[in-house]
PDB file of N, CA and C in Angstrom:
ATOM      1  N   MET A   1      -4.435   1.498 -20.554  1.00  0.00           N
ATOM      2  CA  MET A   1      -4.204   0.330 -19.707  1.00  0.00           C
ATOM      3  C   MET A   1      -3.022   0.653 -18.772  1.00  0.00           C
ATOM      4  N   LYS A   2      -3.161   0.241 -17.510  1.00  0.00           N
ATOM      5  CA  LYS A   2      -2.095   0.488 -16.556  1.00  0.00           C
ATOM      6  C   LYS A   2      -1.602  -0.835 -16.011  1.00  0.00           C
ATOM      7  N   ILE A   3      -0.265  -0.916 -15.809  1.00  0.00           N
ATOM      8  CA  ILE A   3       0.367  -2.134 -15.243  1.00  0.00           C
ATOM      9  C   ILE A   3       1.192  -1.692 -14.062  1.00  0.00           C
ATOM     10  N   THR A   4       1.082  -2.408 -12.960  1.00  0.00           N
ATOM     11  CA  THR A   4       1.948  -2.151 -11.832  1.00  0.00           C
ATOM     12  C   THR A   4       3.088  -3.194 -11.892  1.00  0.00           C
ATOM     13  N   ALA A   5       4.321  -2.676 -11.913  1.00  0.00           N
ATOM     14  CA  ALA A   5       5.450  -3.569 -12.051  1.00  0.00           C
ATOM     15  C   ALA A   5       6.661  -3.048 -11.326  1.00  0.00           C
ATOM     16  N   ALA A   6       7.590  -3.920 -11.014  1.00  0.00           N
ATOM     17  CA  ALA A   6       8.853  -3.511 -10.419  1.00  0.00           C
ATOM     18  C   ALA A   6       9.995  -4.058 -11.223  1.00  0.00           C
ATOM     19  N   ILE A   7      10.728  -3.185 -11.872  1.00  0.00           N
ATOM     20  CA  ILE A   7      11.942  -3.558 -12.606  1.00  0.00           C
ATOM     21  C   ILE A   7      13.090  -3.638 -11.596  1.00  0.00           C
ATOM     22  N   THR A   8      13.671  -4.774 -11.481  1.00  0.00           N
ATOM     23  CA  THR A   8      14.650  -5.043 -10.397  1.00  0.00           C
ATOM     24  C   THR A   8      15.905  -5.632 -10.949  1.00  0.00           C
ATOM     25  N   LYS A   9      17.043  -5.256 -10.360  1.00  0.00           N
ATOM     26  CA  LYS A   9      18.315  -5.889 -10.703  1.00  0.00           C
ATOM     27  C   LYS A   9      18.899  -6.400  -9.413  1.00  0.00           C
ATOM     28  N   GLU A  10      19.228  -7.696  -9.450  1.00  0.00           N
ATOM     29  CA  GLU A  10      19.766  -8.392  -8.255  1.00  0.00           C
ATOM     30  C   GLU A  10      20.811  -9.392  -8.711  1.00  0.00           C
ATOM     31  N   GLN A  11      21.989  -9.311  -8.136  1.00  0.00           N
ATOM     32  CA  GLN A  11      23.093 -10.220  -8.460  1.00  0.00           C
ATOM     33  C   GLN A  11      23.338 -10.329  -9.999  1.00  0.00           C
ATOM     34  N   GLY A  12      23.296  -9.171 -10.630  1.00  0.00           N
ATOM     35  CA  GLY A  12      23.605  -9.065 -12.060  1.00  0.00           C
ATOM     36  C   GLY A  12      22.474  -9.461 -12.982  1.00  0.00           C
ATOM     37  N   VAL A  13      21.297  -9.837 -12.432  1.00  0.00           N
ATOM     38  CA  VAL A  13      20.174 -10.252 -13.219  1.00  0.00           C
ATOM     39  C   VAL A  13      19.092  -9.145 -13.149  1.00  0.00           C
ATOM     40  N   THR A  14      18.689  -8.662 -14.311  1.00  0.00           N
ATOM     41  CA  THR A  14      17.580  -7.678 -14.328  1.00  0.00           C
ATOM     42  C   THR A  14      16.305  -8.430 -14.735  1.00  0.00           C
ATOM     43  N   PHE A  15      15.272  -8.235 -14.006  1.00  0.00           N
ATOM     44  CA  PHE A  15      13.971  -8.894 -14.252  1.00  0.00           C
ATOM     45  C   PHE A  15      12.807  -7.964 -13.881  1.00  0.00           C
ATOM     46  N   THR A  16      11.636  -8.288 -14.341  1.00  0.00           N
ATOM     47  CA  THR A  16      10.448  -7.519 -14.032  1.00  0.00           C
ATOM     48  C   THR A  16       9.420  -8.323 -13.246  1.00  0.00           C
ATOM     49  N   VAL A  17       8.940  -7.785 -12.162  1.00  0.00           N
ATOM     50  CA  VAL A  17       7.882  -8.409 -11.341  1.00  0.00           C
ATOM     51  C   VAL A  17       6.579  -7.653 -11.755  1.00  0.00           C
ATOM     52  N   VAL A  18       5.584  -8.348 -12.280  1.00  0.00           N
ATOM     53  CA  VAL A  18       4.372  -7.731 -12.700  1.00  0.00           C
ATOM     54  C   VAL A  18       3.241  -8.188 -11.764  1.00  0.00           C
ATOM     55  N   LEU A  19       2.535  -7.230 -11.204  1.00  0.00           N
ATOM     56  CA  LEU A  19       1.431  -7.504 -10.296  1.00  0.00           C
ATOM     57  C   LEU A  19       0.215  -7.891 -11.082  1.00  0.00           C
ATOM     58  N   VAL A  20      -0.389  -9.020 -10.795  1.00  0.00           N
ATOM     59  CA  VAL A  20      -1.580  -9.490 -11.523  1.00  0.00           C
ATOM     60  C   VAL A  20      -2.715  -9.710 -10.517  1.00  0.00           C
ATOM     61  N   LYS A  21      -3.905  -9.864 -11.045  1.00  0.00           N
ATOM     62  CA  LYS A  21      -5.072 -10.084 -10.141  1.00  0.00           C
ATOM     63  C   LYS A  21      -4.976 -11.444  -9.485  1.00  0.00           C
ATOM     64  N   THR A  22      -5.572 -11.535  -8.343  1.00  0.00           N
ATOM     65  CA  THR A  22      -5.612 -12.810  -7.597  1.00  0.00           C
ATOM     66  C   THR A  22      -6.234 -13.913  -8.480  1.00  0.00           C
ATOM     67  N   GLY A  23      -5.558 -15.028  -8.535  1.00  0.00           N
ATOM     68  CA  GLY A  23      -6.096 -16.169  -9.342  1.00  0.00           C
ATOM     69  C   GLY A  23      -5.381 -16.329 -10.668  1.00  0.00           C
ATOM     70  N   VAL A  24      -4.651 -15.342 -11.140  1.00  0.00           N
ATOM     71  CA  VAL A  24      -3.956 -15.476 -12.426  1.00  0.00           C
ATOM     72  C   VAL A  24      -2.893 -16.504 -12.404  1.00  0.00           C
ATOM     73  N   ILE A  25      -2.133 -16.540 -11.302  1.00  0.00           N
ATOM     74  CA  ILE A  25      -0.999 -17.469 -11.219  1.00  0.00           C
ATOM     75  C   ILE A  25      -1.495 -18.884 -11.309  1.00  0.00           C
ATOM     76  N   SER A  26      -2.626 -19.207 -10.759  1.00  0.00           N
ATOM     77  CA  SER A  26      -3.126 -20.570 -10.757  1.00  0.00           C
ATOM     78  C   SER A  26      -3.990 -20.853 -11.991  1.00  0.00           C
ATOM     79  N   SER A  27      -4.188 -19.856 -12.869  1.00  0.00           N
ATOM     80  CA  SER A  27      -5.058 -20.056 -14.007  1.00  0.00           C
ATOM     81  C   SER A  27      -4.295 -20.658 -15.197  1.00  0.00           C
ATOM     82  N   SER A  28      -5.014 -21.157 -16.131  1.00  0.00           N
ATOM     83  CA  SER A  28      -4.454 -21.783 -17.342  1.00  0.00           C
ATOM     84  C   SER A  28      -3.851 -20.738 -18.314  1.00  0.00           C
ATOM     85  N   ASN A  29      -4.183 -19.457 -18.134  1.00  0.00           N
ATOM     86  CA  ASN A  29      -3.675 -18.459 -19.052  1.00  0.00           C
ATOM     87  C   ASN A  29      -2.540 -17.640 -18.483  1.00  0.00           C
ATOM     88  N   ARG A  30      -1.861 -18.104 -17.426  1.00  0.00           N
ATOM     89  CA  ARG A  30      -0.775 -17.304 -16.822  1.00  0.00           C
ATOM     90  C   ARG A  30       0.328 -17.088 -17.782  1.00  0.00           C
ATOM     91  N   GLU A  31       0.656 -18.041 -18.643  1.00  0.00           N
ATOM     92  CA  GLU A  31       1.720 -17.828 -19.640  1.00  0.00           C
ATOM     93  C   GLU A  31       1.356 -16.773 -20.655  1.00  0.00           C
ATOM     94  N   GLN A  32       0.082 -16.763 -20.995  1.00  0.00           N
ATOM     95  CA  GLN A  32      -0.365 -15.718 -21.895  1.00  0.00           C
ATOM     96  C   GLN A  32      -0.234 -14.300 -21.312  1.00  0.00           C
ATOM     97  N   VAL A  33      -0.557 -14.213 -19.978  1.00  0.00           N
ATOM     98  CA  VAL A  33      -0.426 -12.982 -19.281  1.00  0.00           C
ATOM     99  C   VAL A  33       1.067 -12.552 -19.235  1.00  0.00           C
ATOM    100  N   ARG A  34       1.942 -13.517 -18.961  1.00  0.00           N
ATOM    101  CA  ARG A  34       3.360 -13.241 -18.917  1.00  0.00           C
ATOM    102  C   ARG A  34       3.898 -12.768 -20.256  1.00  0.00           C
ATOM    103  N   THR A  35       3.557 -13.389 -21.344  1.00  0.00           N
ATOM    104  CA  THR A  35       4.058 -13.045 -22.648  1.00  0.00           C
ATOM    105  C   THR A  35       3.435 -11.736 -23.156  1.00  0.00           C
ATOM    106  N   SER A  36       2.350 -11.305 -22.568  1.00  0.00           N
ATOM    107  CA  SER A  36       1.715 -10.054 -22.992  1.00  0.00           C
ATOM    108  C   SER A  36       2.288  -8.829 -22.308  1.00  0.00           C
ATOM    109  N   ALA A  37       3.269  -9.035 -21.435  1.00  0.00           N
ATOM    110  CA  ALA A  37       3.960  -7.915 -20.813  1.00  0.00           C
ATOM    111  C   ALA A  37       4.697  -7.127 -21.894  1.00  0.00           C
ATOM    112  N   PRO A  38       4.749  -5.797 -21.744  1.00  0.00           N
ATOM    113  CA  PRO A  38       5.384  -4.969 -22.776  1.00  0.00           C
ATOM    114  C   PRO A  38       6.798  -5.457 -23.112  1.00  0.00           C
ATOM    115  N   SER A  39       7.138  -5.391 -24.332  1.00  0.00           N
ATOM    116  CA  SER A  39       8.458  -5.873 -24.804  1.00  0.00           C
ATOM    117  C   SER A  39       9.628  -5.159 -24.274  1.00  0.00           C
ATOM    118  N   ASN A  40       9.377  -3.932 -23.768  1.00  0.00           N
ATOM    119  CA  ASN A  40      10.501  -3.162 -23.219  1.00  0.00           C
ATOM    120  C   ASN A  40      10.734  -3.442 -21.736  1.00  0.00           C
ATOM    121  N   PHE A  41       9.886  -4.294 -21.130  1.00  0.00           N
ATOM    122  CA  PHE A  41      10.112  -4.736 -19.777  1.00  0.00           C
ATOM    123  C   PHE A  41      11.194  -5.816 -19.768  1.00  0.00           C
ATOM    124  N   PRO A  42      12.267  -5.662 -18.951  1.00  0.00           N
ATOM    125  CA  PRO A  42      13.289  -6.710 -18.941  1.00  0.00           C
ATOM    126  C   PRO A  42      12.762  -8.067 -18.595  1.00  0.00           C
ATOM    127  N   ARG A  43      13.307  -9.006 -19.301  1.00  0.00           N
ATOM    128  CA  ARG A  43      12.957 -10.457 -19.097  1.00  0.00           C
ATOM    129  C   ARG A  43      14.028 -11.041 -18.189  1.00  0.00           C
ATOM    130  N   PRO A  44      13.682 -12.030 -17.334  1.00  0.00           N
ATOM    131  CA  PRO A  44      12.420 -12.738 -17.275  1.00  0.00           C
ATOM    132  C   PRO A  44      11.325 -11.924 -16.581  1.00  0.00           C
ATOM    133  N   ILE A  45      10.104 -12.323 -16.851  1.00  0.00           N
ATOM    134  CA  ILE A  45       8.911 -11.687 -16.193  1.00  0.00           C
ATOM    135  C   ILE A  45       8.493 -12.645 -15.094  1.00  0.00           C
ATOM    136  N   ILE A  46       8.323 -12.087 -13.906  1.00  0.00           N
ATOM    137  CA  ILE A  46       7.828 -12.835 -12.762  1.00  0.00           C
ATOM    138  C   ILE A  46       6.435 -12.276 -12.437  1.00  0.00           C
ATOM    139  N   LEU A  47       5.465 -13.169 -12.319  1.00  0.00           N
ATOM    140  CA  LEU A  47       4.085 -12.765 -11.944  1.00  0.00           C
ATOM    141  C   LEU A  47       4.014 -12.682 -10.447  1.00  0.00           C
ATOM    142  N   ALA A  48       3.308 -11.736  -9.953  1.00  0.00           N
ATOM    143  CA  ALA A  48       3.039 -11.612  -8.534  1.00  0.00           C
ATOM    144  C   ALA A  48       1.595 -11.301  -8.291  1.00  0.00           C
ATOM    145  N   GLU A  49       1.040 -11.980  -7.263  1.00  0.00           N
ATOM    146  CA  GLU A  49      -0.320 -11.675  -6.887  1.00  0.00           C
ATOM    147  C   GLU A  49      -0.393 -11.642  -5.340  1.00  0.00           C
ATOM    148  N   GLN A  50      -1.246 -10.782  -4.822  1.00  0.00           N
ATOM    149  CA  GLN A  50      -1.417 -10.686  -3.344  1.00  0.00           C
ATOM    150  C   GLN A  50      -2.664 -11.317  -2.941  1.00  0.00           C
ATOM    151  N   SER A  51      -2.506 -12.160  -1.935  1.00  0.00           N
ATOM    152  CA  SER A  51      -3.721 -12.881  -1.420  1.00  0.00           C
ATOM    153  C   SER A  51      -3.549 -13.000   0.109  1.00  0.00           C
ATOM    154  N   HIS A  52      -4.576 -12.526   0.799  1.00  0.00           N
ATOM    155  CA  HIS A  52      -4.545 -12.631   2.290  1.00  0.00           C
ATOM    156  C   HIS A  52      -3.311 -11.959   2.897  1.00  0.00           C
ATOM    157  N   GLY A  53      -2.910 -10.813   2.279  1.00  0.00           N
ATOM    158  CA  GLY A  53      -1.786 -10.061   2.787  1.00  0.00           C
ATOM    159  C   GLY A  53      -0.416 -10.627   2.476  1.00  0.00           C
ATOM    160  N   LYS A  54      -0.341 -11.708   1.669  1.00  0.00           N
ATOM    161  CA  LYS A  54       0.946 -12.277   1.331  1.00  0.00           C
ATOM    162  C   LYS A  54       1.096 -12.222  -0.173  1.00  0.00           C
ATOM    163  N   MET A  55       2.324 -12.101  -0.612  1.00  0.00           N
ATOM    164  CA  MET A  55       2.605 -12.077  -2.038  1.00  0.00           C
ATOM    165  C   MET A  55       3.021 -13.458  -2.501  1.00  0.00           C
ATOM    166  N   LYS A  56       2.431 -13.878  -3.673  1.00  0.00           N
ATOM    167  CA  LYS A  56       2.752 -15.160  -4.246  1.00  0.00           C
ATOM    168  C   LYS A  56       3.394 -14.857  -5.621  1.00  0.00           C
ATOM    169  N   TYR A  57       4.478 -15.601  -5.925  1.00  0.00           N
ATOM    170  CA  TYR A  57       5.201 -15.302  -7.206  1.00  0.00           C
ATOM    171  C   TYR A  57       5.253 -16.560  -8.058  1.00  0.00           C
ATOM    172  N   HIS A  58       5.328 -16.321  -9.358  1.00  0.00           N
ATOM    173  CA  HIS A  58       5.486 -17.412 -10.338  1.00  0.00           C
ATOM    174  C   HIS A  58       6.447 -16.982 -11.430  1.00  0.00           C
ATOM    175  N   GLY A  59       7.417 -17.858 -11.692  1.00  0.00           N
ATOM    176  CA  GLY A  59       8.386 -17.594 -12.724  1.00  0.00           C
ATOM    177  C   GLY A  59       9.643 -18.359 -12.441  1.00  0.00           C
ATOM    178  N   ARG A  60      10.735 -17.815 -12.887  1.00  0.00           N
ATOM    179  CA  ARG A  60      12.027 -18.489 -12.728  1.00  0.00           C
ATOM    180  C   ARG A  60      12.306 -18.825 -11.296  1.00  0.00           C
ATOM    181  N   THR A  61      12.602 -20.066 -10.994  1.00  0.00           N
ATOM    182  CA  THR A  61      12.668 -20.571  -9.654  1.00  0.00           C
ATOM    183  C   THR A  61      13.597 -19.819  -8.724  1.00  0.00           C
ATOM    184  N   ASP A  62      14.851 -19.494  -9.260  1.00  0.00           N
ATOM    185  CA  ASP A  62      15.796 -18.804  -8.391  1.00  0.00           C
ATOM    186  C   ASP A  62      15.334 -17.416  -8.015  1.00  0.00           C
ATOM    187  N   ILE A  63      14.696 -16.749  -8.977  1.00  0.00           N
ATOM    188  CA  ILE A  63      14.178 -15.432  -8.659  1.00  0.00           C
ATOM    189  C   ILE A  63      12.998 -15.464  -7.713  1.00  0.00           C
ATOM    190  N   VAL A  64      12.104 -16.421  -7.906  1.00  0.00           N
ATOM    191  CA  VAL A  64      10.980 -16.574  -7.024  1.00  0.00           C
ATOM    192  C   VAL A  64      11.469 -16.872  -5.595  1.00  0.00           C
ATOM    193  N   ARG A  65      12.504 -17.669  -5.488  1.00  0.00           N
ATOM    194  CA  ARG A  65      13.060 -17.999  -4.134  1.00  0.00           C
ATOM    195  C   ARG A  65      13.623 -16.713  -3.532  1.00  0.00           C
ATOM    196  N   PHE A  66      14.326 -15.909  -4.336  1.00  0.00           N
ATOM    197  CA  PHE A  66      14.897 -14.660  -3.811  1.00  0.00           C
ATOM    198  C   PHE A  66      13.772 -13.748  -3.327  1.00  0.00           C
ATOM    199  N   LEU A  67      12.750 -13.544  -4.162  1.00  0.00           N
ATOM    200  CA  LEU A  67      11.641 -12.646  -3.856  1.00  0.00           C
ATOM    201  C   LEU A  67      10.877 -13.108  -2.634  1.00  0.00           C
ATOM    202  N   SER A  68      10.797 -14.380  -2.355  1.00  0.00           N
ATOM    203  CA  SER A  68      10.063 -14.868  -1.187  1.00  0.00           C
ATOM    204  C   SER A  68      10.765 -14.437   0.150  1.00  0.00           C
ATOM    205  N   ASN A  69      11.968 -13.967   0.026  1.00  0.00           N
ATOM    206  CA  ASN A  69      12.692 -13.490   1.218  1.00  0.00           C
ATOM    207  C   ASN A  69      12.833 -11.996   1.293  1.00  0.00           C
ATOM    208  N   VAL A  70      12.194 -11.254   0.330  1.00  0.00           N
ATOM    209  CA  VAL A  70      12.286  -9.804   0.280  1.00  0.00           C
ATOM    210  C   VAL A  70      10.876  -9.289   0.570  1.00  0.00           C
ATOM    211  N   PRO A  71      10.734  -8.317   1.492  1.00  0.00           N
ATOM    212  CA  PRO A  71       9.429  -7.703   1.708  1.00  0.00           C
ATOM    213  C   PRO A  71       8.964  -7.055   0.404  1.00  0.00           C
ATOM    214  N   TYR A  72       7.756  -7.392  -0.038  1.00  0.00           N
ATOM    215  CA  TYR A  72       7.293  -6.844  -1.336  1.00  0.00           C
ATOM    216  C   TYR A  72       7.244  -5.365  -1.391  1.00  0.00           C
ATOM    217  N   GLN A  73       7.086  -4.732  -0.229  1.00  0.00           N
ATOM    218  CA  GLN A  73       7.068  -3.267  -0.142  1.00  0.00           C
ATOM    219  C   GLN A  73       8.399  -2.654  -0.530  1.00  0.00           C
ATOM    220  N   ASP A  74       9.466  -3.466  -0.436  1.00  0.00           N
ATOM    221  CA  ASP A  74      10.851  -2.956  -0.731  1.00  0.00           C
ATOM    222  C   ASP A  74      11.118  -2.975  -2.249  1.00  0.00           C
ATOM    223  N   LEU A  75      10.287  -3.589  -3.080  1.00  0.00           N
ATOM    224  CA  LEU A  75      10.503  -3.612  -4.478  1.00  0.00           C
ATOM    225  C   LEU A  75      10.171  -2.244  -5.100  1.00  0.00           C
ATOM    226  N   PRO A  76      10.808  -1.858  -6.148  1.00  0.00           N
ATOM    227  CA  PRO A  76      10.578  -0.467  -6.748  1.00  0.00           C
ATOM    228  C   PRO A  76       9.308  -0.466  -7.634  1.00  0.00           C
ATOM    229  N   TRP A  77       8.141  -0.614  -7.016  1.00  0.00           N
ATOM    230  CA  TRP A  77       6.881  -0.655  -7.773  1.00  0.00           C
ATOM    231  C   TRP A  77       6.643   0.665  -8.445  1.00  0.00           C
ATOM    232  N   LYS A  78       6.099   0.575  -9.642  1.00  0.00           N
ATOM    233  CA  LYS A  78       5.728   1.780 -10.420  1.00  0.00           C
ATOM    234  C   LYS A  78       4.521   1.443 -11.252  1.00  0.00           C
ATOM    235  N   VAL A  79       3.626   2.379 -11.475  1.00  0.00           N
ATOM    236  CA  VAL A  79       2.496   2.145 -12.379  1.00  0.00           C
ATOM    237  C   VAL A  79       2.910   2.693 -13.739  1.00  0.00           C
ATOM    238  N   TYR A  80       2.793   1.787 -14.737  1.00  0.00           N
ATOM    239  CA  TYR A  80       3.115   2.105 -16.101  1.00  0.00           C
ATOM    240  C   TYR A  80       1.814   2.253 -16.889  1.00  0.00           C
ATOM    241  N   THR A  81       1.665   3.305 -17.650  1.00  0.00           N
ATOM    242  CA  THR A  81       0.523   3.514 -18.520  1.00  0.00           C
ATOM    243  C   THR A  81       0.914   3.104 -19.934  1.00  0.00           C
ATOM    244  N   LEU A  82       0.157   2.187 -20.490  1.00  0.00           N
ATOM    245  CA  LEU A  82       0.489   1.704 -21.842  1.00  0.00           C
ATOM    246  C   LEU A  82      -0.429   2.298 -22.861  1.00  0.00           C
TER     247      LEU A  82
END
């Protein structure tokens, strides 16, 4: 299994942005997806999905607000094999 994620540190907070399929953020199982992230990924976990060329985030409000002002291409994305 492969996961695309960006482990990021900003203003002293380390968090992980996990790329999910379109529709996961609005689905009833988004929390299950969030909690299934590998335990070695720094918490909190922010879910990200791309739709119509734009990134949508879900998670801790202050981090989501921060990410909405950062070009998603600037995040340190990496593919992790589990």
